[in-house]
Amino acid sequence: MSDSESPKTFTLQTAGFDARFPNQNQNKHCHQNYIDYFRCINAKGEEFTPCKQFYRAYHSLCPNEWIAKWDEQRENNAFPVSLEP
């Protein structure tokens, strides 16, 4: 097997435990991480490394349809929660 044919390895991670959301239902955890991500980047900028944890968490927890809906609401200034820091 040559170097170009060597198997690639991937690390899959899900959101870690958050004591604020101890139950199995992770709807609130998903929504809060979405809000926290946009508040974080509004305060610190998209390159601020700690913000990326919120991004990974909400992408891991939230259904794509919810994210698309919330993104559309944000674009239309209709998101029901303030994302200001």
Protein backbone atom coordinates (compact mmCIF):
# COMPACT_ATOMS: atom_id res chain seq x y z
CA MET A 1 0.00 0.00 0.00
CA SER A 2 1.55 3.33 -1.03
CA ASP A 3 1.31 6.61 0.89
CA SER A 4 -1.44 7.85 -1.39
CA GLU A 5 -3.49 4.73 -0.62
CA SER A 6 -3.03 4.73 3.16
CA PRO A 7 -6.26 4.79 5.16
CA LYS A 8 -7.36 8.13 6.56
CA THR A 9 -8.39 8.46 10.16
CA PHE A 10 -11.11 10.74 11.42
CA THR A 11 -11.96 11.77 14.95
CA LEU A 12 -15.70 12.01 15.60
CA GLN A 13 -16.81 13.97 18.62
CA THR A 14 -20.14 14.94 20.05
CA ALA A 15 -20.92 17.71 22.48
CA GLY A 16 -19.65 17.02 25.96
CA PHE A 17 -21.72 16.86 29.11
CA ASP A 18 -23.15 20.20 30.25
CA ALA A 19 -24.44 20.25 33.83
CA ARG A 20 -27.02 22.88 32.86
CA PHE A 21 -28.77 20.22 30.75
CA PRO A 22 -28.64 16.91 32.66
CA ASN A 23 -31.63 15.25 30.97
CA GLN A 24 -31.64 13.16 27.83
CA ASN A 25 -33.69 15.72 25.92
CA GLN A 26 -31.05 18.02 24.45
CA ASN A 27 -33.34 20.59 22.76
CA LYS A 28 -32.44 23.36 25.20
CA HIS A 29 -28.75 22.42 25.07
CA CYS A 30 -28.85 22.67 21.26
CA HIS A 31 -30.63 26.05 21.29
CA GLN A 32 -28.41 27.52 24.02
CA ASN A 33 -25.22 26.57 22.17
CA TYR A 34 -26.57 28.22 19.00
CA ILE A 35 -27.26 31.41 20.95
CA ASP A 36 -23.93 31.24 22.81
CA TYR A 37 -22.01 30.84 19.54
CA PHE A 38 -23.48 33.95 17.94
CA ARG A 39 -23.15 35.99 21.12
CA CYS A 40 -19.52 34.87 21.38
CA ILE A 41 -18.61 35.79 17.80
CA ASN A 42 -20.45 39.11 18.11
CA ALA A 43 -18.34 39.89 21.18
CA LYS A 44 -14.97 38.36 20.24
CA GLY A 45 -15.00 37.67 16.49
CA GLU A 46 -15.21 34.47 14.47
CA GLU A 47 -11.55 33.58 14.95
CA PHE A 48 -11.83 33.49 18.78
CA THR A 49 -11.09 29.82 19.51
CA PRO A 50 -13.49 29.29 22.48
CA CYS A 51 -16.42 30.27 20.23
CA LYS A 52 -15.70 27.24 18.05
CA GLN A 53 -16.72 24.90 20.88
CA PHE A 54 -20.25 26.34 20.81
CA TYR A 55 -20.28 25.93 17.03
CA ARG A 56 -19.25 22.27 17.21
CA ALA A 57 -21.77 21.61 19.99
CA TYR A 58 -24.79 23.06 18.22
CA HIS A 59 -23.86 21.39 14.94
CA SER A 60 -23.60 18.10 16.81
CA LEU A 61 -26.85 18.47 18.77
CA CYS A 62 -29.24 20.40 16.51
CA PRO A 63 -31.14 19.03 13.51
CA ASN A 64 -30.08 20.75 10.28
CA GLU A 65 -33.65 21.97 9.72
CA TRP A 66 -33.59 23.91 12.99
CA ILE A 67 -30.24 25.50 12.17
CA ALA A 68 -31.50 26.52 8.71
CA LYS A 69 -34.67 28.01 10.25
CA TRP A 70 -32.72 29.96 12.88
CA ASP A 71 -30.20 31.18 10.29
CA GLU A 72 -33.07 32.44 8.15
CA GLN A 73 -34.64 34.16 11.17
CA ARG A 74 -31.31 35.85 11.99
CA GLU A 75 -30.91 37.02 8.38
CA ASN A 76 -34.43 38.52 8.50
CA ASN A 77 -33.86 40.12 11.93
CA ALA A 78 -36.66 37.92 13.29
CA PHE A 79 -34.69 35.65 15.64
CA PRO A 80 -36.61 35.74 18.95
CA VAL A 81 -33.50 36.07 21.17
CA SER A 82 -30.98 38.91 21.34
CA LEU A 83 -27.58 37.77 20.13
CA GLU A 84 -25.81 40.88 21.37
CA PRO A 85 -23.03 40.17 23.88
